[in-house]
Amino acid sequence: MATVYSNKITVTVAGATYTYSLTLSASTTSVPATGGTVTFTAVLTNTTLNKPVPNTVVTLTESTTNTSSTATTDSTGTATFSVTFPANTSTSSVSYTFQASATPVETAPSPGPITVV
């Protein structure tokens, strides 16, 4: 007797959707007229899984001069930047605005085996 087969049906399971948080902090927001260095820390977190996102490039950009630098997050999701400000010989204060950006790319873990009952 011959075996009879049905048609094939493909079932697609949608991929996970993650949300992220990128938080920027600075060691200080005021530098004396003689100049100085400020350390910026950016922390990238997968808020869906509540875990840090390592090995991701973060870009720190200053908006007035459009100057930027990149750093890669470590195992804690942290990227660190040091910015040195020159002395200001003007009688007016100078302000700089910084923002961090990142494009996280994570590979979701493989799904477990399916169960057929």
PDB file of N, CA and C in Angstrom:
ATOM      1  N   MET A   1       0.827  -1.156   0.000  1.00  0.00           N
ATOM      2  CA  MET A   1       0.000   0.000   0.000  1.00  0.00           C
ATOM      3  C   MET A   1       0.888   1.241   0.000  1.00  0.00           C
ATOM      4  N   ALA A   2       0.544   2.236  -0.797  1.00  0.00           N
ATOM      5  CA  ALA A   2       1.332   3.454  -0.944  1.00  0.00           C
ATOM      6  C   ALA A   2       0.979   4.459   0.149  1.00  0.00           C
ATOM      7  N   THR A   3       1.966   5.221   0.570  1.00  0.00           N
ATOM      8  CA  THR A   3       1.735   6.287   1.550  1.00  0.00           C
ATOM      9  C   THR A   3       1.164   7.497   0.837  1.00  0.00           C
ATOM     10  N   VAL A   4       0.178   8.140   1.433  1.00  0.00           N
ATOM     11  CA  VAL A   4      -0.451   9.339   0.885  1.00  0.00           C
ATOM     12  C   VAL A   4      -0.045  10.521   1.770  1.00  0.00           C
ATOM     13  N   TYR A   5       0.367  11.639   1.137  1.00  0.00           N
ATOM     14  CA  TYR A   5       0.792  12.828   1.873  1.00  0.00           C
ATOM     15  C   TYR A   5      -0.176  13.976   1.630  1.00  0.00           C
ATOM     16  N   SER A   6      -0.349  14.831   2.633  1.00  0.00           N
ATOM     17  CA  SER A   6      -1.189  16.024   2.488  1.00  0.00           C
ATOM     18  C   SER A   6      -0.367  17.147   1.866  1.00  0.00           C
ATOM     19  N   ASN A   7      -1.051  18.274   1.679  1.00  0.00           N
ATOM     20  CA  ASN A   7      -0.332  19.475   1.259  1.00  0.00           C
ATOM     21  C   ASN A   7       0.540  19.960   2.418  1.00  0.00           C
ATOM     22  N   LYS A   8       1.525  20.834   2.119  1.00  0.00           N
ATOM     23  CA  LYS A   8       2.402  21.386   3.151  1.00  0.00           C
ATOM     24  C   LYS A   8       1.859  22.744   3.584  1.00  0.00           C
ATOM     25  N   ILE A   9       1.957  23.040   4.877  1.00  0.00           N
ATOM     26  CA  ILE A   9       1.562  24.336   5.417  1.00  0.00           C
ATOM     27  C   ILE A   9       2.751  24.885   6.196  1.00  0.00           C
ATOM     28  N   THR A  10       3.114  26.123   5.908  1.00  0.00           N
ATOM     29  CA  THR A  10       4.208  26.782   6.615  1.00  0.00           C
ATOM     30  C   THR A  10       3.620  27.707   7.669  1.00  0.00           C
ATOM     31  N   VAL A  11       4.088  27.602   8.888  1.00  0.00           N
ATOM     32  CA  VAL A  11       3.668  28.476   9.979  1.00  0.00           C
ATOM     33  C   VAL A  11       4.851  29.370  10.334  1.00  0.00           C
ATOM     34  N   THR A  12       4.633  30.669  10.311  1.00  0.00           N
ATOM     35  CA  THR A  12       5.684  31.622  10.626  1.00  0.00           C
ATOM     36  C   THR A  12       5.423  32.226  11.998  1.00  0.00           C
ATOM     37  N   VAL A  13       6.402  32.169  12.857  1.00  0.00           N
ATOM     38  CA  VAL A  13       6.305  32.765  14.189  1.00  0.00           C
ATOM     39  C   VAL A  13       7.019  34.114  14.125  1.00  0.00           C
ATOM     40  N   ALA A  14       6.285  35.179  14.462  1.00  0.00           N
ATOM     41  CA  ALA A  14       6.841  36.535  14.381  1.00  0.00           C
ATOM     42  C   ALA A  14       8.051  36.684  15.300  1.00  0.00           C
ATOM     43  N   GLY A  15       8.973  37.523  14.868  1.00  0.00           N
ATOM     44  CA  GLY A  15      10.161  37.809  15.669  1.00  0.00           C
ATOM     45  C   GLY A  15       9.823  38.745  16.817  1.00  0.00           C
ATOM     46  N   ALA A  16      10.668  38.746  17.823  1.00  0.00           N
ATOM     47  CA  ALA A  16      10.465  39.580  19.005  1.00  0.00           C
ATOM     48  C   ALA A  16      10.673  41.048  18.661  1.00  0.00           C
ATOM     49  N   THR A  17       9.966  41.904  19.360  1.00  0.00           N
ATOM     50  CA  THR A  17      10.142  43.343  19.240  1.00  0.00           C
ATOM     51  C   THR A  17      10.720  43.846  20.557  1.00  0.00           C
ATOM     52  N   TYR A  18      11.834  44.546  20.486  1.00  0.00           N
ATOM     53  CA  TYR A  18      12.486  45.043  21.680  1.00  0.00           C
ATOM     54  C   TYR A  18      12.402  46.561  21.741  1.00  0.00           C
ATOM     55  N   THR A  19      12.375  47.099  22.949  1.00  0.00           N
ATOM     56  CA  THR A  19      12.489  48.538  23.145  1.00  0.00           C
ATOM     57  C   THR A  19      13.786  48.801  23.910  1.00  0.00           C
ATOM     58  N   TYR A  20      14.348  49.988  23.692  1.00  0.00           N
ATOM     59  CA  TYR A  20      15.650  50.322  24.260  1.00  0.00           C
ATOM     60  C   TYR A  20      15.610  51.678  24.941  1.00  0.00           C
ATOM     61  N   SER A  21      16.547  51.857  25.840  1.00  0.00           N
ATOM     62  CA  SER A  21      16.741  53.128  26.511  1.00  0.00           C
ATOM     63  C   SER A  21      18.227  53.475  26.421  1.00  0.00           C
ATOM     64  N   LEU A  22      18.516  54.731  26.057  1.00  0.00           N
ATOM     65  CA  LEU A  22      19.901  55.214  26.022  1.00  0.00           C
ATOM     66  C   LEU A  22      19.962  56.440  26.918  1.00  0.00           C
ATOM     67  N   THR A  23      20.704  56.319  28.030  1.00  0.00           N
ATOM     68  CA  THR A  23      20.782  57.392  29.013  1.00  0.00           C
ATOM     69  C   THR A  23      22.180  57.993  29.001  1.00  0.00           C
ATOM     70  N   LEU A  24      22.236  59.325  28.912  1.00  0.00           N
ATOM     71  CA  LEU A  24      23.514  60.030  28.881  1.00  0.00           C
ATOM     72  C   LEU A  24      23.678  60.835  30.172  1.00  0.00           C
ATOM     73  N   SER A  25      24.857  60.720  30.783  1.00  0.00           N
ATOM     74  CA  SER A  25      25.174  61.523  31.958  1.00  0.00           C
ATOM     75  C   SER A  25      26.559  62.132  31.788  1.00  0.00           C
ATOM     76  N   ALA A  26      26.834  63.170  32.578  1.00  0.00           N
ATOM     77  CA  ALA A  26      28.125  63.861  32.501  1.00  0.00           C
ATOM     78  C   ALA A  26      28.699  63.995  33.900  1.00  0.00           C
ATOM     79  N   SER A  27      30.033  63.937  33.992  1.00  0.00           N
ATOM     80  CA  SER A  27      30.696  64.057  35.291  1.00  0.00           C
ATOM     81  C   SER A  27      30.494  65.444  35.881  1.00  0.00           C
ATOM     82  N   THR A  28      30.288  66.430  35.039  1.00  0.00           N
ATOM     83  CA  THR A  28      29.987  67.798  35.465  1.00  0.00           C
ATOM     84  C   THR A  28      29.338  68.520  34.284  1.00  0.00           C
ATOM     85  N   THR A  29      28.602  69.569  34.583  1.00  0.00           N
ATOM     86  CA  THR A  29      28.014  70.377  33.500  1.00  0.00           C
ATOM     87  C   THR A  29      28.571  71.798  33.529  1.00  0.00           C
ATOM     88  N   SER A  30      29.656  71.980  34.254  1.00  0.00           N
ATOM     89  CA  SER A  30      30.287  73.293  34.336  1.00  0.00           C
ATOM     90  C   SER A  30      31.803  73.125  34.303  1.00  0.00           C
ATOM     91  N   VAL A  31      32.441  73.870  33.410  1.00  0.00           N
ATOM     92  CA  VAL A  31      33.905  73.823  33.271  1.00  0.00           C
ATOM     93  C   VAL A  31      34.436  75.225  33.537  1.00  0.00           C
ATOM     94  N   PRO A  32      35.517  75.360  34.292  1.00  0.00           N
ATOM     95  CA  PRO A  32      36.057  76.699  34.567  1.00  0.00           C
ATOM     96  C   PRO A  32      36.611  77.357  33.300  1.00  0.00           C
ATOM     97  N   ALA A  33      36.805  78.655  33.361  1.00  0.00           N
ATOM     98  CA  ALA A  33      37.328  79.413  32.211  1.00  0.00           C
ATOM     99  C   ALA A  33      38.699  78.893  31.774  1.00  0.00           C
ATOM    100  N   THR A  34      39.412  78.243  32.648  1.00  0.00           N
ATOM    101  CA  THR A  34      40.738  77.711  32.313  1.00  0.00           C
ATOM    102  C   THR A  34      40.648  76.426  31.490  1.00  0.00           C
ATOM    103  N   GLY A  35      39.411  75.906  31.288  1.00  0.00           N
ATOM    104  CA  GLY A  35      39.218  74.679  30.516  1.00  0.00           C
ATOM    105  C   GLY A  35      39.189  73.459  31.413  1.00  0.00           C
ATOM    106  N   GLY A  36      38.954  72.319  30.816  1.00  0.00           N
ATOM    107  CA  GLY A  36      38.903  71.096  31.601  1.00  0.00           C
ATOM    108  C   GLY A  36      38.318  69.952  30.804  1.00  0.00           C
ATOM    109  N   THR A  37      38.213  68.810  31.452  1.00  0.00           N
ATOM    110  CA  THR A  37      37.724  67.596  30.810  1.00  0.00           C
ATOM    111  C   THR A  37      36.435  67.144  31.478  1.00  0.00           C
ATOM    112  N   VAL A  38      35.480  66.743  30.649  1.00  0.00           N
ATOM    113  CA  VAL A  38      34.217  66.197  31.139  1.00  0.00           C
ATOM    114  C   VAL A  38      34.098  64.771  30.620  1.00  0.00           C
ATOM    115  N   THR A  39      33.728  63.857  31.498  1.00  0.00           N
ATOM    116  CA  THR A  39      33.508  62.469  31.105  1.00  0.00           C
ATOM    117  C   THR A  39      32.011  62.255  30.915  1.00  0.00           C
ATOM    118  N   PHE A  40      31.640  61.780  29.733  1.00  0.00           N
ATOM    119  CA  PHE A  40      30.252  61.458  29.426  1.00  0.00           C
ATOM    120  C   PHE A  40      30.095  59.938  29.462  1.00  0.00           C
ATOM    121  N   THR A  41      28.993  59.484  30.032  1.00  0.00           N
ATOM    122  CA  THR A  41      28.707  58.059  30.116  1.00  0.00           C
ATOM    123  C   THR A  41      27.336  57.813  29.501  1.00  0.00           C
ATOM    124  N   ALA A  42      27.298  56.916  28.516  1.00  0.00           N
ATOM    125  CA  ALA A  42      26.043  56.521  27.883  1.00  0.00           C
ATOM    126  C   ALA A  42      25.776  55.064  28.248  1.00  0.00           C
ATOM    127  N   VAL A  43      24.555  54.780  28.704  1.00  0.00           N
ATOM    128  CA  VAL A  43      24.188  53.417  29.090  1.00  0.00           C
ATOM    129  C   VAL A  43      23.018  52.968  28.229  1.00  0.00           C
ATOM    130  N   LEU A  44      23.236  51.875  27.489  1.00  0.00           N
ATOM    131  CA  LEU A  44      22.228  51.326  26.585  1.00  0.00           C
ATOM    132  C   LEU A  44      21.611  50.086  27.225  1.00  0.00           C
ATOM    133  N   THR A  45      20.269  50.103  27.351  1.00  0.00           N
ATOM    134  CA  THR A  45      19.553  49.012  28.004  1.00  0.00           C
ATOM    135  C   THR A  45      18.432  48.505  27.117  1.00  0.00           C
ATOM    136  N   ASN A  46      18.298  47.187  27.044  1.00  0.00           N
ATOM    137  CA  ASN A  46      17.139  46.571  26.409  1.00  0.00           C
ATOM    138  C   ASN A  46      16.068  46.570  27.489  1.00  0.00           C
ATOM    139  N   THR A  47      15.098  47.484  27.373  1.00  0.00           N
ATOM    140  CA  THR A  47      14.091  47.617  28.425  1.00  0.00           C
ATOM    141  C   THR A  47      13.054  46.499  28.366  1.00  0.00           C
ATOM    142  N   THR A  48      12.927  45.833  27.244  1.00  0.00           N
ATOM    143  CA  THR A  48      12.014  44.695  27.147  1.00  0.00           C
ATOM    144  C   THR A  48      12.507  43.542  28.004  1.00  0.00           C
ATOM    145  N   LEU A  49      13.800  43.269  27.927  1.00  0.00           N
ATOM    146  CA  LEU A  49      14.392  42.159  28.684  1.00  0.00           C
ATOM    147  C   LEU A  49      15.061  42.623  29.976  1.00  0.00           C
ATOM    148  N   ASN A  50      15.084  43.961  30.193  1.00  0.00           N
ATOM    149  CA  ASN A  50      15.727  44.551  31.364  1.00  0.00           C
ATOM    150  C   ASN A  50      17.174  44.078  31.502  1.00  0.00           C
ATOM    151  N   LYS A  51      17.949  44.266  30.401  1.00  0.00           N
ATOM    152  CA  LYS A  51      19.354  43.858  30.428  1.00  0.00           C
ATOM    153  C   LYS A  51      20.187  44.837  29.611  1.00  0.00           C
ATOM    154  N   PRO A  52      21.475  44.956  29.946  1.00  0.00           N
ATOM    155  CA  PRO A  52      22.356  45.845  29.190  1.00  0.00           C
ATOM    156  C   PRO A  52      22.593  45.317  27.780  1.00  0.00           C
ATOM    157  N   VAL A  53      22.929  46.234  26.871  1.00  0.00           N
ATOM    158  CA  VAL A  53      23.210  45.851  25.489  1.00  0.00           C
ATOM    159  C   VAL A  53      24.697  46.084  25.217  1.00  0.00           C
ATOM    160  N   PRO A  54      25.498  44.996  25.171  1.00  0.00           N
ATOM    161  CA  PRO A  54      26.928  45.140  24.912  1.00  0.00           C
ATOM    162  C   PRO A  54      27.241  45.213  23.419  1.00  0.00           C
ATOM    163  N   ASN A  55      28.482  45.553  23.116  1.00  0.00           N
ATOM    164  CA  ASN A  55      29.032  45.514  21.755  1.00  0.00           C
ATOM    165  C   ASN A  55      28.229  46.327  20.742  1.00  0.00           C
ATOM    166  N   THR A  56      27.767  47.495  21.165  1.00  0.00           N
ATOM    167  CA  THR A  56      27.017  48.373  20.280  1.00  0.00           C
ATOM    168  C   THR A  56      27.729  49.715  20.203  1.00  0.00           C
ATOM    169  N   VAL A  57      27.862  50.258  18.991  1.00  0.00           N
ATOM    170  CA  VAL A  57      28.525  51.546  18.804  1.00  0.00           C
ATOM    171  C   VAL A  57      27.571  52.666  19.214  1.00  0.00           C
ATOM    172  N   VAL A  58      28.063  53.548  20.085  1.00  0.00           N
ATOM    173  CA  VAL A  58      27.320  54.730  20.514  1.00  0.00           C
ATOM    174  C   VAL A  58      28.059  55.948  19.968  1.00  0.00           C
ATOM    175  N   THR A  59      27.302  56.908  19.432  1.00  0.00           N
ATOM    176  CA  THR A  59      27.886  58.143  18.912  1.00  0.00           C
ATOM    177  C   THR A  59      27.491  59.298  19.820  1.00  0.00           C
ATOM    178  N   LEU A  60      28.486  60.069  20.258  1.00  0.00           N
ATOM    179  CA  LEU A  60      28.252  61.277  21.047  1.00  0.00           C
ATOM    180  C   LEU A  60      28.460  62.455  20.110  1.00  0.00           C
ATOM    181  N   THR A  61      27.447  63.309  19.973  1.00  0.00           N
ATOM    182  CA  THR A  61      27.514  64.436  19.048  1.00  0.00           C
ATOM    183  C   THR A  61      27.255  65.747  19.778  1.00  0.00           C
ATOM    184  N   GLU A  62      28.069  66.754  19.472  1.00  0.00           N
ATOM    185  CA  GLU A  62      27.857  68.107  19.979  1.00  0.00           C
ATOM    186  C   GLU A  62      27.147  68.878  18.877  1.00  0.00           C
ATOM    187  N   SER A  63      25.998  69.469  19.189  1.00  0.00           N
ATOM    188  CA  SER A  63      25.123  70.012  18.146  1.00  0.00           C
ATOM    189  C   SER A  63      25.601  71.312  17.506  1.00  0.00           C
ATOM    190  N   THR A  64      26.287  72.183  18.231  1.00  0.00           N
ATOM    191  CA  THR A  64      26.709  73.463  17.663  1.00  0.00           C
ATOM    192  C   THR A  64      27.819  73.287  16.641  1.00  0.00           C
ATOM    193  N   THR A  65      28.812  72.474  16.989  1.00  0.00           N
ATOM    194  CA  THR A  65      29.961  72.269  16.102  1.00  0.00           C
ATOM    195  C   THR A  65      29.803  71.033  15.230  1.00  0.00           C
ATOM    196  N   ASN A  66      28.761  70.232  15.514  1.00  0.00           N
ATOM    197  CA  ASN A  66      28.517  68.974  14.808  1.00  0.00           C
ATOM    198  C   ASN A  66      29.730  68.036  14.894  1.00  0.00           C
ATOM    199  N   THR A  67      30.392  68.095  16.041  1.00  0.00           N
ATOM    200  CA  THR A  67      31.538  67.238  16.306  1.00  0.00           C
ATOM    201  C   THR A  67      31.030  65.952  16.948  1.00  0.00           C
ATOM    202  N   SER A  68      31.591  64.818  16.532  1.00  0.00           N
ATOM    203  CA  SER A  68      31.137  63.561  17.117  1.00  0.00           C
ATOM    204  C   SER A  68      32.297  62.606  17.349  1.00  0.00           C
ATOM    205  N   SER A  69      32.020  61.641  18.219  1.00  0.00           N
ATOM    206  CA  SER A  69      32.984  60.598  18.536  1.00  0.00           C
ATOM    207  C   SER A  69      32.192  59.325  18.803  1.00  0.00           C
ATOM    208  N   THR A  70      32.833  58.181  18.634  1.00  0.00           N
ATOM    209  CA  THR A  70      32.145  56.913  18.878  1.00  0.00           C
ATOM    210  C   THR A  70      32.887  56.093  19.927  1.00  0.00           C
ATOM    211  N   ALA A  71      32.109  55.262  20.609  1.00  0.00           N
ATOM    212  CA  ALA A  71      32.658  54.299  21.569  1.00  0.00           C
ATOM    213  C   ALA A  71      31.724  53.090  21.554  1.00  0.00           C
ATOM    214  N   THR A  72      32.256  51.944  21.912  1.00  0.00           N
ATOM    215  CA  THR A  72      31.475  50.702  21.920  1.00  0.00           C
ATOM    216  C   THR A  72      31.086  50.342  23.344  1.00  0.00           C
ATOM    217  N   THR A  73      29.837  49.922  23.528  1.00  0.00           N
ATOM    218  CA  THR A  73      29.380  49.546  24.862  1.00  0.00           C
ATOM    219  C   THR A  73      30.098  48.288  25.347  1.00  0.00           C
ATOM    220  N   ASP A  74      30.336  48.268  26.642  1.00  0.00           N
ATOM    221  CA  ASP A  74      30.970  47.100  27.261  1.00  0.00           C
ATOM    222  C   ASP A  74      29.890  46.115  27.722  1.00  0.00           C
ATOM    223  N   SER A  75      30.271  45.151  28.527  1.00  0.00           N
ATOM    224  CA  SER A  75      29.318  44.115  28.959  1.00  0.00           C
ATOM    225  C   SER A  75      28.182  44.673  29.813  1.00  0.00           C
ATOM    226  N   THR A  76      28.364  45.872  30.370  1.00  0.00           N
ATOM    227  CA  THR A  76      27.311  46.497  31.175  1.00  0.00           C
ATOM    228  C   THR A  76      26.461  47.467  30.349  1.00  0.00           C
ATOM    229  N   GLY A  77      26.715  47.519  29.030  1.00  0.00           N
ATOM    230  CA  GLY A  77      25.975  48.432  28.159  1.00  0.00           C
ATOM    231  C   GLY A  77      26.477  49.859  28.217  1.00  0.00           C
ATOM    232  N   THR A  78      27.657  50.064  28.782  1.00  0.00           N
ATOM    233  CA  THR A  78      28.187  51.403  29.017  1.00  0.00           C
ATOM    234  C   THR A  78      29.259  51.784  27.998  1.00  0.00           C
ATOM    235  N   ALA A  79      29.130  52.994  27.457  1.00  0.00           N
ATOM    236  CA  ALA A  79      30.153  53.585  26.582  1.00  0.00           C
ATOM    237  C   ALA A  79      30.600  54.889  27.243  1.00  0.00           C
ATOM    238  N   THR A  80      31.905  55.131  27.255  1.00  0.00           N
ATOM    239  CA  THR A  80      32.450  56.308  27.946  1.00  0.00           C
ATOM    240  C   THR A  80      33.215  57.191  26.970  1.00  0.00           C
ATOM    241  N   PHE A  81      33.025  58.495  27.143  1.00  0.00           N
ATOM    242  CA  PHE A  81      33.691  59.491  26.297  1.00  0.00           C
ATOM    243  C   PHE A  81      34.341  60.538  27.194  1.00  0.00           C
ATOM    244  N   SER A  82      35.518  61.025  26.804  1.00  0.00           N
ATOM    245  CA  SER A  82      36.160  62.144  27.498  1.00  0.00           C
ATOM    246  C   SER A  82      36.244  63.301  26.521  1.00  0.00           C
ATOM    247  N   VAL A  83      35.727  64.442  26.926  1.00  0.00           N
ATOM    248  CA  VAL A  83      35.738  65.638  26.079  1.00  0.00           C
ATOM    249  C   VAL A  83      36.534  66.715  26.797  1.00  0.00           C
ATOM    250  N   THR A  84      37.564  67.221  26.127  1.00  0.00           N
ATOM    251  CA  THR A  84      38.396  68.275  26.701  1.00  0.00           C
ATOM    252  C   THR A  84      37.973  69.615  26.120  1.00  0.00           C
ATOM    253  N   PHE A  85      37.705  70.570  27.016  1.00  0.00           N
ATOM    254  CA  PHE A  85      37.299  71.913  26.612  1.00  0.00           C
ATOM    255  C   PHE A  85      38.481  72.855  26.795  1.00  0.00           C
ATOM    256  N   PRO A  86      38.771  73.678  25.786  1.00  0.00           N
ATOM    257  CA  PRO A  86      39.895  74.612  25.897  1.00  0.00           C
ATOM    258  C   PRO A  86      39.534  75.775  26.828  1.00  0.00           C
ATOM    259  N   ALA A  87      40.542  76.542  27.172  1.00  0.00           N
ATOM    260  CA  ALA A  87      40.305  77.738  27.983  1.00  0.00           C
ATOM    261  C   ALA A  87      39.423  78.706  27.197  1.00  0.00           C
ATOM    262  N   ASN A  88      38.580  79.422  27.897  1.00  0.00           N
ATOM    263  CA  ASN A  88      37.696  80.415  27.274  1.00  0.00           C
ATOM    264  C   ASN A  88      38.207  81.800  27.661  1.00  0.00           C
ATOM    265  N   THR A  89      38.766  82.513  26.687  1.00  0.00           N
ATOM    266  CA  THR A  89      39.313  83.848  26.960  1.00  0.00           C
ATOM    267  C   THR A  89      38.279  84.942  26.742  1.00  0.00           C
ATOM    268  N   SER A  90      37.094  84.580  26.304  1.00  0.00           N
ATOM    269  CA  SER A  90      36.006  85.533  26.105  1.00  0.00           C
ATOM    270  C   SER A  90      35.404  85.909  27.456  1.00  0.00           C
ATOM    271  N   THR A  91      34.749  87.054  27.512  1.00  0.00           N
ATOM    272  CA  THR A  91      34.068  87.449  28.749  1.00  0.00           C
ATOM    273  C   THR A  91      32.683  86.818  28.838  1.00  0.00           C
ATOM    274  N   SER A  92      32.240  86.160  27.766  1.00  0.00           N
ATOM    275  CA  SER A  92      30.937  85.495  27.747  1.00  0.00           C
ATOM    276  C   SER A  92      31.116  83.987  27.904  1.00  0.00           C
ATOM    277  N   SER A  93      30.155  83.364  28.559  1.00  0.00           N
ATOM    278  CA  SER A  93      30.167  81.910  28.680  1.00  0.00           C
ATOM    279  C   SER A  93      29.851  81.274  27.331  1.00  0.00           C
ATOM    280  N   VAL A  94      30.343  80.081  27.118  1.00  0.00           N
ATOM    281  CA  VAL A  94      30.068  79.320  25.893  1.00  0.00           C
ATOM    282  C   VAL A  94      29.382  78.029  26.310  1.00  0.00           C
ATOM    283  N   SER A  95      28.283  77.681  25.650  1.00  0.00           N
ATOM    284  CA  SER A  95      27.557  76.461  25.976  1.00  0.00           C
ATOM    285  C   SER A  95      27.652  75.465  24.835  1.00  0.00           C
ATOM    286  N   TYR A  96      27.733  74.208  25.195  1.00  0.00           N
ATOM    287  CA  TYR A  96      27.776  73.121  24.227  1.00  0.00           C
ATOM    288  C   TYR A  96      26.672  72.127  24.607  1.00  0.00           C
ATOM    289  N   THR A  97      25.998  71.585  23.610  1.00  0.00           N
ATOM    290  CA  THR A  97      24.926  70.624  23.854  1.00  0.00           C
ATOM    291  C   THR A  97      25.299  69.284  23.247  1.00  0.00           C
ATOM    292  N   PHE A  98      25.224  68.237  24.043  1.00  0.00           N
ATOM    293  CA  PHE A  98      25.619  66.898  23.618  1.00  0.00           C
ATOM    294  C   PHE A  98      24.417  65.963  23.617  1.00  0.00           C
ATOM    295  N   GLN A  99      24.448  65.011  22.692  1.00  0.00           N
ATOM    296  CA  GLN A  99      23.425  63.970  22.638  1.00  0.00           C
ATOM    297  C   GLN A  99      24.080  62.682  22.152  1.00  0.00           C
ATOM    298  N   ALA A 100      23.634  61.570  22.717  1.00  0.00           N
ATOM    299  CA  ALA A 100      24.149  60.262  22.312  1.00  0.00           C
ATOM    300  C   ALA A 100      23.107  59.556  21.455  1.00  0.00           C
ATOM    301  N   SER A 101      23.597  58.705  20.537  1.00  0.00           N
ATOM    302  CA  SER A 101      22.699  57.900  19.700  1.00  0.00           C
ATOM    303  C   SER A 101      23.327  56.525  19.497  1.00  0.00           C
ATOM    304  N   ALA A 102      22.460  55.543  19.239  1.00  0.00           N
ATOM    305  CA  ALA A 102      22.929  54.172  19.005  1.00  0.00           C
ATOM    306  C   ALA A 102      21.878  53.436  18.200  1.00  0.00           C
ATOM    307  N   THR A 103      22.324  52.441  17.454  1.00  0.00           N
ATOM    308  CA  THR A 103      21.418  51.559  16.722  1.00  0.00           C
ATOM    309  C   THR A 103      21.693  50.138  17.191  1.00  0.00           C
ATOM    310  N   PRO A 104      20.963  49.698  18.218  1.00  0.00           N
ATOM    311  CA  PRO A 104      21.213  48.352  18.740  1.00  0.00           C
ATOM    312  C   PRO A 104      20.810  47.270  17.749  1.00  0.00           C
ATOM    313  N   VAL A 105      21.651  46.270  17.635  1.00  0.00           N
ATOM    314  CA  VAL A 105      21.353  45.108  16.798  1.00  0.00           C
ATOM    315  C   VAL A 105      21.588  43.884  17.680  1.00  0.00           C
ATOM    316  N   GLU A 106      20.506  43.261  18.071  1.00  0.00           N
ATOM    317  CA  GLU A 106      20.618  42.082  18.919  1.00  0.00           C
ATOM    318  C   GLU A 106      20.034  40.885  18.201  1.00  0.00           C
ATOM    319  N   THR A 107      20.638  39.758  18.446  1.00  0.00           N
ATOM    320  CA  THR A 107      20.113  38.508  17.917  1.00  0.00           C
ATOM    321  C   THR A 107      19.310  37.848  19.017  1.00  0.00           C
ATOM    322  N   ALA A 108      18.049  37.638  18.740  1.00  0.00           N
ATOM    323  CA  ALA A 108      17.192  36.984  19.733  1.00  0.00           C
ATOM    324  C   ALA A 108      17.629  35.534  19.895  1.00  0.00           C
ATOM    325  N   PRO A 109      17.486  35.014  21.091  1.00  0.00           N
ATOM    326  CA  PRO A 109      17.815  33.595  21.268  1.00  0.00           C
ATOM    327  C   PRO A 109      16.898  32.736  20.419  1.00  0.00           C
ATOM    328  N   SER A 110      17.406  31.603  20.016  1.00  0.00           N
ATOM    329  CA  SER A 110      16.585  30.690  19.216  1.00  0.00           C
ATOM    330  C   SER A 110      15.415  30.197  20.050  1.00  0.00           C
ATOM    331  N   PRO A 111      14.264  30.096  19.436  1.00  0.00           N
ATOM    332  CA  PRO A 111      13.109  29.584  20.193  1.00  0.00           C
ATOM    333  C   PRO A 111      13.335  28.131  20.569  1.00  0.00           C
ATOM    334  N   GLY A 112      12.652  27.708  21.595  1.00  0.00           N
ATOM    335  CA  GLY A 112      12.757  26.332  22.041  1.00  0.00           C
ATOM    336  C   GLY A 112      12.045  25.412  21.043  1.00  0.00           C
ATOM    337  N   PRO A 113      12.102  24.133  21.278  1.00  0.00           N
ATOM    338  CA  PRO A 113      11.455  23.180  20.367  1.00  0.00           C
ATOM    339  C   PRO A 113       9.926  23.323  20.440  1.00  0.00           C
ATOM    340  N   ILE A 114       9.267  23.072  19.348  1.00  0.00           N
ATOM    341  CA  ILE A 114       7.809  23.099  19.353  1.00  0.00           C
ATOM    342  C   ILE A 114       7.288  21.801  19.937  1.00  0.00           C
ATOM    343  N   THR A 115       6.075  21.859  20.406  1.00  0.00           N
ATOM    344  CA  THR A 115       5.449  20.665  20.981  1.00  0.00           C
ATOM    345  C   THR A 115       4.282  20.250  20.118  1.00  0.00           C
ATOM    346  N   VAL A 116       4.265  19.032  19.716  1.00  0.00           N
ATOM    347  CA  VAL A 116       3.162  18.478  18.925  1.00  0.00           C
ATOM    348  C   VAL A 116       2.422  17.495  19.805  1.00  0.00           C
ATOM    349  N   VAL A 117       1.116  17.719  19.932  1.00  0.00           N
ATOM    350  CA  VAL A 117       0.320  16.786  20.755  1.00  0.00           C
ATOM    351  C   VAL A 117      -0.761  16.141  19.952  1.00  0.00           C
TER     352      VAL A 117
END
